[in-house]
Amino acid sequence: MPYYVPIFPASSVQLIVACKERGNEAYSKAKYPQAIQEYTKGLSYFTTTASPSLSASSEDVKDSSDPVHLLTSLLSNRSASYLESGKMEEAFADADEVVRLRPHWVKGYFRKGEALAALKRYPEALDVYQEARKRDKSSKPIVQRLVKMNMLIDNMNRGLVIHQLLSGREICQKSVFSPINSLIYDFAHQLRNFIYVVADIKSKDCVLVDPCWDIDGILKFVKNEGLNVVAAIATHQHVDHVGGLPPSPYDKYGVTVEGLKLLLKRLPKIVAYVNANDIPAICKINPDIPVDRLKPTEHLQVISLPLGAANATTTLQFYHTPGHTPGSQCVLVDGCRLLSGDTLFIGSCGRVDFPESNPADMYTSLNQILGSLPDDVIVLPGHDYGGEFTTILQEKKHGLLRPCSKEDFLTAMNK
């Protein structure tokens, strides 16, 4: 049975390559519709012919005149552009065709895995990433995706979903019709905050952790997921986690960063769980916030989803971890996922040079509190400073959970 492979007239090579280069340039500037248009134009030059096999196309060939290589490169790039545009089915279709045409090329499997993950088909994505790993055992992104898929599958098996929202990705989309918001969103993009939605699959109840920057965007995401917000949690007092009056130079525009104050207005029946030590500072940068709806938390206190239900299955436990601020807290979800706020990052910790910070407290929080957690706990930090997640074990090996004397830690923090 013949296998159909792509061909194109020799005279079209330069035109196709030019389309690819223009598409790549548009993609690099986040102009994804334009990139899709260019890649699609390049693909239009191809036709197909019958061939007994794909043996004529080798992975060692880098010549742009090779039809299979050039076509799959265009499809792979268009798949990435579709994914960035939120067109997951189209991204999957292109990536699937890449794998069919070029079964030894790792990038096709990676693109297909990305599309399947975006479609929330996590077990299938895991299988595809494993195929990618067979073709490139040294790729760190592939290893990270394998860990992430296993985490997401384990979450589902627990009846749990944790959505990790990022400014410029799920929320804080800039618009020419709202220039002031766009300026604030620029600030958000620089700080790269993660906002978390922790949901119980069965009840659809969810808790928002550090809801900030774009409250309506967060609530739109929650609605699209079919979830019901029953509470909020603030990991600490800073404006990029709770909203309020922004620092210079953004304060000159006379606007505030959206956060807890607006959320509590939008959802009048919920409360926000905050460590008592940070409540005064939150109120200072959020005048008129309803203080009675800021519910103080205690170290090791537990709340569960569904809230107040006798058969609650998803637990959230507060760990008071002062240092970055007096009331910094982390949230341990189901005993296996740590939302670490600005206490613990990948390879580092939150700043301790603010007036409200205390380096000695940070040492205790890291070494005695977080360092005592099980090694396999996955850490989900408050900012995208080098990645989406790490583990307690990784931070014990390579980060600030490594054994260290208090004197050495304080010396390092004061440099």
Protein backbone atom coordinates (compact mmCIF):
# COMPACT_ATOMS: atom_id res chain seq x y z
CA MET A 1 0.00 0.00 0.00
CA PRO A 2 1.54 3.35 -0.99
CA TYR A 3 2.31 6.03 1.60
CA TYR A 4 1.55 9.59 0.59
CA VAL A 5 4.39 12.05 1.11
CA PRO A 6 4.64 15.79 0.41
CA ILE A 7 6.32 17.27 -2.63
CA PHE A 8 6.65 20.76 -4.08
CA PRO A 9 8.08 22.30 -7.25
CA ALA A 10 11.77 23.12 -6.94
CA SER A 11 10.96 26.71 -7.80
CA SER A 12 8.84 27.01 -4.63
CA VAL A 13 11.58 26.30 -2.08
CA GLN A 14 12.58 29.91 -1.54
CA LEU A 15 8.94 31.00 -1.29
CA ILE A 16 8.20 28.35 1.35
CA VAL A 17 11.31 29.19 3.36
CA ALA A 18 10.40 32.90 3.22
CA CYS A 19 6.93 32.09 4.60
CA LYS A 20 8.49 30.05 7.39
CA GLU A 21 10.90 32.86 8.31
CA ARG A 22 8.12 35.45 8.35
CA GLY A 23 6.03 33.11 10.47
CA ASN A 24 8.89 32.62 12.90
CA GLU A 25 9.38 36.36 13.19
CA ALA A 26 5.68 36.92 13.87
CA TYR A 27 5.70 34.12 16.46
CA SER A 28 8.69 35.67 18.25
CA LYS A 29 6.67 38.89 18.58
CA ALA A 30 3.59 37.01 19.88
CA LYS A 31 1.68 37.84 16.69
CA TYR A 32 0.22 34.37 16.50
CA PRO A 33 -2.60 34.93 13.94
CA GLN A 34 -0.04 36.45 11.57
CA ALA A 35 2.32 33.52 12.19
CA ILE A 36 -0.48 31.04 11.42
CA GLN A 37 -1.24 32.90 8.21
CA GLU A 38 2.39 32.72 7.05
CA TYR A 39 2.83 29.04 7.92
CA THR A 40 -0.45 28.22 6.19
CA LYS A 41 0.68 30.07 3.08
CA GLY A 42 3.91 28.08 3.07
CA LEU A 43 1.96 24.83 3.41
CA SER A 44 -0.21 25.73 0.42
CA TYR A 45 2.72 25.10 -1.94
CA PHE A 46 2.76 21.38 -1.10
CA THR A 47 1.06 18.55 -2.91
CA THR A 48 1.39 14.80 -2.29
CA THR A 49 2.57 11.76 -4.18
CA ALA A 50 2.52 8.04 -3.48
CA SER A 51 5.69 6.49 -2.05
CA PRO A 52 6.35 3.05 -0.54
CA SER A 53 7.98 4.51 2.56
CA LEU A 54 9.48 7.54 4.22
CA SER A 55 13.00 6.18 4.03
CA ALA A 56 14.06 8.95 1.67
CA SER A 57 13.70 11.44 4.53
CA SER A 58 16.37 11.03 7.17
CA GLU A 59 16.58 12.84 10.52
CA ASP A 60 20.19 13.60 9.60
CA VAL A 61 19.08 15.67 6.64
CA LYS A 62 18.95 19.38 7.43
CA ASP A 63 18.50 20.67 3.88
CA SER A 64 15.42 22.88 3.56
CA SER A 65 14.79 21.30 0.17
CA ASP A 66 13.73 18.02 1.84
CA PRO A 67 9.92 18.07 1.48
CA VAL A 68 9.10 16.08 4.62
CA HIS A 69 11.41 18.13 6.83
CA LEU A 70 10.18 21.45 5.51
CA LEU A 71 6.50 20.54 5.69
CA THR A 72 6.72 19.09 9.20
CA SER A 73 8.66 22.13 10.37
CA LEU A 74 5.84 24.37 9.12
CA LEU A 75 3.21 22.16 10.72
CA SER A 76 5.11 22.03 14.01
CA ASN A 77 5.46 25.80 14.12
CA ARG A 78 1.82 26.31 13.19
CA SER A 79 0.83 23.87 15.94
CA ALA A 80 2.73 26.01 18.46
CA SER A 81 1.01 29.14 17.11
CA TYR A 82 -2.42 27.53 17.32
CA LEU A 83 -1.69 26.52 20.91
CA GLU A 84 -0.73 30.07 21.87
CA SER A 85 -3.95 31.27 20.22
CA GLY A 86 -6.06 28.89 22.30
CA LYS A 87 -6.94 26.69 19.30
CA MET A 88 -6.03 23.37 20.89
CA GLU A 89 -7.80 21.04 18.47
CA GLU A 90 -6.03 22.64 15.51
CA ALA A 91 -2.73 22.45 17.39
CA PHE A 92 -3.31 18.75 18.02
CA ALA A 93 -4.22 18.04 14.36
CA ASP A 94 -1.01 19.65 13.08
CA ALA A 95 1.18 17.90 15.64
CA ASP A 96 -0.47 14.55 14.95
CA GLU A 97 0.31 14.96 11.25
CA VAL A 98 3.93 15.77 12.09
CA VAL A 99 4.23 12.52 14.03
CA ARG A 100 2.66 10.58 11.16
CA LEU A 101 4.99 12.05 8.55
CA ARG A 102 8.15 12.14 10.64
CA PRO A 103 7.90 9.47 13.34
CA HIS A 104 11.51 9.76 14.50
CA TRP A 105 11.44 13.53 15.15
CA VAL A 106 11.17 14.39 18.83
CA LYS A 107 9.60 17.80 18.28
CA GLY A 108 6.48 16.31 16.73
CA TYR A 109 5.84 14.28 19.88
CA PHE A 110 6.55 17.28 22.08
CA ARG A 111 4.08 19.44 20.15
CA LYS A 112 1.47 16.68 20.29
CA GLY A 113 1.99 16.31 24.04
CA GLU A 114 1.57 20.06 24.53
CA ALA A 115 -1.70 20.03 22.61
CA LEU A 116 -3.05 17.03 24.50
CA ALA A 117 -2.09 18.62 27.82
CA ALA A 118 -3.90 21.82 26.84
CA LEU A 119 -6.94 19.69 25.99
CA LYS A 120 -6.65 18.15 29.49
CA ARG A 121 -6.13 14.70 28.02
CA TYR A 122 -3.39 14.08 30.54
CA PRO A 123 -2.97 10.27 30.28
CA GLU A 124 -2.60 10.55 26.49
CA ALA A 125 -0.20 13.47 26.88
CA LEU A 126 1.88 11.39 29.30
CA ASP A 127 2.16 8.58 26.73
CA VAL A 128 3.24 11.00 24.01
CA TYR A 129 5.83 12.71 26.23
CA GLN A 130 7.21 9.26 27.02
CA GLU A 131 7.63 8.68 23.28
CA ALA A 132 9.43 12.03 23.07
CA ARG A 133 11.72 10.98 25.93
CA LYS A 134 12.71 7.83 24.03
CA ARG A 135 13.96 10.07 21.23
CA ASP A 136 15.73 12.61 23.45
CA LYS A 137 16.72 11.37 26.89
CA SER A 138 18.60 14.58 27.78
CA SER A 139 15.76 17.09 27.31
CA LYS A 140 14.89 18.84 30.57
CA PRO A 141 11.58 20.26 29.22
CA ILE A 142 10.40 16.74 28.37
CA VAL A 143 11.33 15.46 31.84
CA GLN A 144 9.47 18.41 33.39
CA ARG A 145 6.38 17.65 31.30
CA LEU A 146 6.46 14.01 32.41
CA VAL A 147 6.57 15.07 36.06
CA LYS A 148 3.78 17.59 35.47
CA MET A 149 1.52 15.08 33.71
CA ASN A 150 2.02 12.57 36.54
CA MET A 151 1.14 15.31 39.03
CA LEU A 152 -2.01 16.31 37.14
CA ILE A 153 -3.12 12.70 36.78
CA ASP A 154 -2.48 12.10 40.50
CA ASN A 155 -4.49 15.24 41.30
CA MET A 156 -7.42 13.91 39.28
CA ASN A 157 -7.22 10.56 41.02
CA ARG A 158 -7.46 12.45 44.31
CA GLY A 159 -10.55 14.31 43.12
CA LEU A 160 -8.50 17.51 43.00
CA VAL A 161 -7.62 20.13 40.39
CA ILE A 162 -5.11 22.94 40.85
CA HIS A 163 -5.14 25.55 38.09
CA GLN A 164 -2.04 27.74 37.87
CA LEU A 165 -2.90 31.10 36.26
CA LEU A 166 -0.24 33.47 34.93
CA SER A 167 -0.49 37.10 33.90
CA GLY A 168 -0.48 37.44 30.12
CA ARG A 169 -1.48 33.81 29.66
CA GLU A 170 -4.88 33.08 31.28
CA ILE A 171 -5.47 36.58 32.68
CA CYS A 172 -4.35 40.22 32.30
CA GLN A 173 -4.85 40.44 28.55
CA LYS A 174 -3.89 43.95 27.41
CA SER A 175 -6.35 46.01 25.39
CA VAL A 176 -6.09 49.28 23.47
CA PHE A 177 -9.52 50.13 24.89
CA SER A 178 -8.19 50.16 28.46
CA PRO A 179 -4.79 51.90 28.51
CA ILE A 180 -4.66 52.28 32.29
CA ASN A 181 -5.31 48.58 32.85
CA SER A 182 -2.68 47.83 30.22
CA LEU A 183 -0.14 49.79 32.27
CA ILE A 184 -1.05 47.81 35.37
CA TYR A 185 -0.87 44.58 33.38
CA ASP A 186 2.65 45.56 32.26
CA PHE A 187 3.52 45.64 35.95
CA ALA A 188 1.88 42.24 36.39
CA HIS A 189 3.80 40.76 33.46
CA GLN A 190 7.08 41.92 34.99
CA LEU A 191 6.34 40.33 38.37
CA ARG A 192 5.07 37.05 36.87
CA ASN A 193 2.71 36.16 39.69
CA PHE A 194 0.99 32.81 39.82
CA ILE A 195 -2.64 32.78 40.97
CA TYR A 196 -4.04 29.41 41.99
CA VAL A 197 -7.50 27.92 41.73
CA VAL A 198 -7.79 24.87 44.00
CA ALA A 199 -10.92 22.87 43.19
CA ASP A 200 -12.71 19.80 44.44
CA ILE A 201 -13.76 17.89 41.32
CA LYS A 202 -16.94 16.33 42.70
CA SER A 203 -18.51 19.40 44.34
CA LYS A 204 -16.98 21.95 41.91
CA ASP A 205 -16.18 24.15 44.93
CA CYS A 206 -12.92 26.06 44.63
CA VAL A 207 -10.66 28.39 46.59
CA LEU A 208 -8.70 31.24 44.99
CA VAL A 209 -5.15 31.68 46.28
CA ASP A 210 -3.64 35.16 45.90
CA PRO A 211 -6.37 36.47 43.54
CA CYS A 212 -4.94 39.65 42.12
CA TRP A 213 -4.43 41.92 39.06
CA ASP A 214 -7.48 40.87 37.03
CA ILE A 215 -10.38 39.76 39.22
CA ASP A 216 -12.93 39.65 36.41
CA GLY A 217 -10.48 37.64 34.30
CA ILE A 218 -10.01 35.16 37.16
CA LEU A 219 -13.75 34.85 37.71
CA LYS A 220 -14.29 34.36 33.98
CA PHE A 221 -11.75 31.52 34.03
CA VAL A 222 -13.49 29.95 37.02
CA LYS A 223 -16.89 30.22 35.31
CA ASN A 224 -15.56 28.63 32.14
CA GLU A 225 -14.29 25.71 34.23
CA GLY A 226 -17.73 25.31 35.78
CA LEU A 227 -16.46 26.04 39.30
CA ASN A 228 -17.96 27.81 42.32
CA VAL A 229 -15.73 30.08 44.42
CA VAL A 230 -16.33 29.46 48.13
CA ALA A 231 -13.31 31.24 49.67
CA ALA A 232 -10.05 33.05 49.02
CA ILE A 233 -6.60 32.76 50.59
CA ALA A 234 -3.82 35.34 50.74
CA THR A 235 -0.29 34.03 51.25
CA HIS A 236 0.91 37.47 52.41
CA GLN A 237 0.30 41.21 52.48
CA HIS A 238 2.06 42.52 49.34
CA VAL A 239 0.14 44.32 46.62
CA ASP A 240 1.03 41.80 43.92
CA HIS A 241 -0.81 39.12 45.94
CA VAL A 242 -3.74 40.99 47.50
CA GLY A 243 -4.12 44.11 45.37
CA GLY A 244 -4.28 47.69 46.57
CA LEU A 245 -2.27 50.86 46.13
CA PRO A 246 0.69 50.10 43.82
CA PRO A 247 4.26 51.27 44.45
CA SER A 248 6.07 53.91 42.41
CA PRO A 249 6.01 54.61 39.49
CA TYR A 250 2.59 52.99 39.00
CA ASP A 251 1.02 54.95 41.86
CA LYS A 252 1.09 58.15 39.80
CA TYR A 253 -1.78 56.95 37.59
CA GLY A 254 -4.31 57.12 40.44
CA VAL A 255 -5.43 53.51 40.07
CA THR A 256 -5.24 50.51 42.34
CA VAL A 257 -4.28 46.93 41.63
CA GLU A 258 -7.34 44.70 41.68
CA GLY A 259 -7.33 42.10 44.41
CA LEU A 260 -9.13 40.97 47.55
CA LYS A 261 -11.16 44.16 47.93
CA LEU A 262 -12.81 43.81 44.51
CA LEU A 263 -13.17 40.04 44.86
CA LEU A 264 -15.02 40.37 48.16
CA LYS A 265 -17.28 42.95 46.52
CA ARG A 266 -17.99 40.68 43.56
CA LEU A 267 -18.62 37.67 45.84
CA PRO A 268 -20.33 39.01 49.00
CA LYS A 269 -20.76 35.59 50.64
CA ILE A 270 -17.12 34.47 50.80
CA VAL A 271 -14.28 35.23 53.22
CA ALA A 272 -10.53 35.50 52.68
CA TYR A 273 -8.21 33.48 54.90
CA VAL A 274 -5.24 35.60 55.96
CA ASN A 275 -2.65 35.28 58.70
CA ALA A 276 -3.49 37.82 61.40
CA ASN A 277 0.00 39.34 61.33
CA ASP A 278 -0.55 40.66 57.79
CA ILE A 279 -4.12 41.93 58.12
CA PRO A 280 -3.16 45.50 59.21
CA ALA A 281 -0.86 45.95 56.21
CA ILE A 282 -3.51 44.60 53.82
CA CYS A 283 -6.02 47.09 55.21
CA LYS A 284 -3.52 49.94 54.84
CA ILE A 285 -3.10 49.44 51.08
CA ASN A 286 -6.78 48.54 50.65
CA PRO A 287 -8.81 51.28 52.36
CA ASP A 288 -12.43 50.29 52.99
CA ILE A 289 -11.80 46.57 52.57
CA PRO A 290 -14.35 44.74 54.78
CA VAL A 291 -12.09 43.67 57.66
CA ASP A 292 -14.73 41.35 59.07
CA ARG A 293 -14.35 39.21 55.96
CA LEU A 294 -10.60 38.74 56.44
CA LYS A 295 -10.58 35.56 58.48
CA PRO A 296 -7.41 35.08 60.57
CA THR A 297 -5.63 31.75 60.21
CA GLU A 298 -3.48 29.82 62.63
CA HIS A 299 -0.45 27.62 62.05
CA LEU A 300 -1.50 24.08 61.01
CA GLN A 301 -5.18 25.06 60.78
CA VAL A 302 -7.09 22.99 58.21
CA ILE A 303 -10.04 23.84 56.00
CA SER A 304 -11.65 21.37 53.59
CA LEU A 305 -13.59 21.28 50.35
CA PRO A 306 -16.55 21.24 50.19
CA LEU A 307 -16.46 23.83 52.99
CA GLY A 308 -18.12 22.58 56.14
CA ALA A 309 -19.11 19.22 54.63
CA ALA A 310 -18.82 16.13 56.80
CA ASN A 311 -17.57 14.13 53.83
CA ALA A 312 -15.03 16.72 52.63
CA THR A 313 -12.20 15.17 50.63
CA THR A 314 -9.82 18.00 49.72
CA THR A 315 -7.83 19.51 52.60
CA LEU A 316 -5.93 22.79 52.74
CA GLN A 317 -3.60 23.26 55.70
CA PHE A 318 -2.01 26.60 56.62
CA TYR A 319 1.67 26.80 57.53
CA HIS A 320 2.72 30.10 59.09
CA THR A 321 6.10 30.86 57.48
CA PRO A 322 7.19 34.37 58.49
CA GLY A 323 10.28 35.99 57.03
CA HIS A 324 9.25 37.65 53.80
CA THR A 325 6.46 39.28 55.81
CA PRO A 326 5.31 38.70 59.42
CA GLY A 327 2.17 36.90 58.26
CA SER A 328 3.46 34.92 55.29
CA GLN A 329 1.80 31.53 55.03
CA CYS A 330 2.01 28.50 52.76
CA VAL A 331 -0.88 26.17 51.96
CA LEU A 332 -0.42 22.39 51.90
CA VAL A 333 -3.12 20.85 49.70
CA ASP A 334 -4.03 17.22 50.42
CA GLY A 335 -0.67 16.78 52.12
CA CYS A 336 1.16 16.67 48.78
CA ARG A 337 1.05 20.07 47.00
CA LEU A 338 2.55 23.13 48.66
CA LEU A 339 1.44 26.58 47.52
CA SER A 340 4.50 28.38 48.83
CA GLY A 341 3.65 32.03 48.09
CA ASP A 342 6.81 34.13 48.39
CA THR A 343 8.41 31.95 51.04
CA LEU A 344 10.02 29.33 48.79
CA PHE A 345 10.94 29.63 45.12
CA ILE A 346 12.87 27.33 42.81
CA GLY A 347 16.42 27.61 44.12
CA SER A 348 15.70 30.69 46.22
CA CYS A 349 13.32 32.33 48.67
CA GLY A 350 11.35 35.55 48.98
CA ARG A 351 13.17 38.82 49.62
CA VAL A 352 14.04 39.62 53.21
CA ASP A 353 15.23 43.19 52.70
CA PHE A 354 11.83 44.87 53.11
CA PRO A 355 11.14 46.83 56.32
CA GLU A 356 8.60 44.19 57.31
CA SER A 357 10.94 41.26 56.54
CA ASN A 358 12.94 39.21 59.04
CA PRO A 359 15.83 37.04 57.76
CA ALA A 360 16.05 35.05 61.00
CA ASP A 361 12.36 34.15 60.74
CA MET A 362 12.88 33.12 57.12
CA TYR A 363 15.66 30.74 58.20
CA THR A 364 13.33 29.09 60.69
CA SER A 365 10.49 28.90 58.19
CA LEU A 366 12.66 27.22 55.59
CA ASN A 367 14.69 24.89 57.76
CA GLN A 368 12.32 23.90 60.53
CA ILE A 369 8.91 24.17 58.87
CA LEU A 370 9.16 23.56 55.13
CA GLY A 371 12.28 21.45 55.48
CA SER A 372 10.32 18.98 57.61
CA LEU A 373 7.80 18.24 54.84
CA PRO A 374 8.01 14.95 52.91
CA ASP A 375 10.50 14.94 50.04
CA ASP A 376 7.86 14.13 47.41
CA VAL A 377 5.72 17.21 48.13
CA ILE A 378 5.45 19.26 44.94
CA VAL A 379 6.03 22.98 45.48
CA LEU A 380 3.96 25.48 43.48
CA PRO A 381 5.54 28.93 44.02
CA GLY A 382 3.98 32.39 44.01
CA HIS A 383 6.00 33.59 41.00
CA ASP A 384 7.33 32.16 37.78
CA TYR A 385 10.96 32.65 38.72
CA GLY A 386 12.53 29.83 36.75
CA GLY A 387 9.63 27.43 36.35
CA GLU A 388 6.17 26.31 37.38
CA PHE A 389 7.04 23.84 40.13
CA THR A 390 9.74 22.06 42.09
CA THR A 391 9.80 19.52 44.93
CA ILE A 392 10.88 19.59 48.54
CA LEU A 393 13.58 17.04 47.64
CA GLN A 394 14.92 19.22 44.82
CA GLU A 395 15.13 22.22 47.13
CA LYS A 396 16.89 20.11 49.77
CA LYS A 397 19.45 19.14 47.15
CA HIS A 398 19.84 22.35 45.17
CA GLY A 399 17.90 25.15 46.85
CA LEU A 400 17.49 26.91 50.17
CA LEU A 401 16.25 23.84 52.02
CA ARG A 402 19.81 22.48 51.98
CA PRO A 403 21.35 22.05 55.44
CA CYS A 404 22.85 25.37 56.44
CA SER A 405 23.77 27.08 59.68
CA LYS A 406 21.75 30.10 60.71
CA GLU A 407 24.90 32.22 60.69
CA ASP A 408 25.76 31.26 57.11
CA PHE A 409 22.17 31.85 55.99
CA LEU A 410 22.02 35.33 57.54
CA THR A 411 25.38 36.22 56.04
CA ALA A 412 24.17 35.18 52.59
CA MET A 413 20.91 37.12 52.97
CA ASN A 414 22.76 40.28 53.97
CA LYS A 415 25.05 40.32 50.94
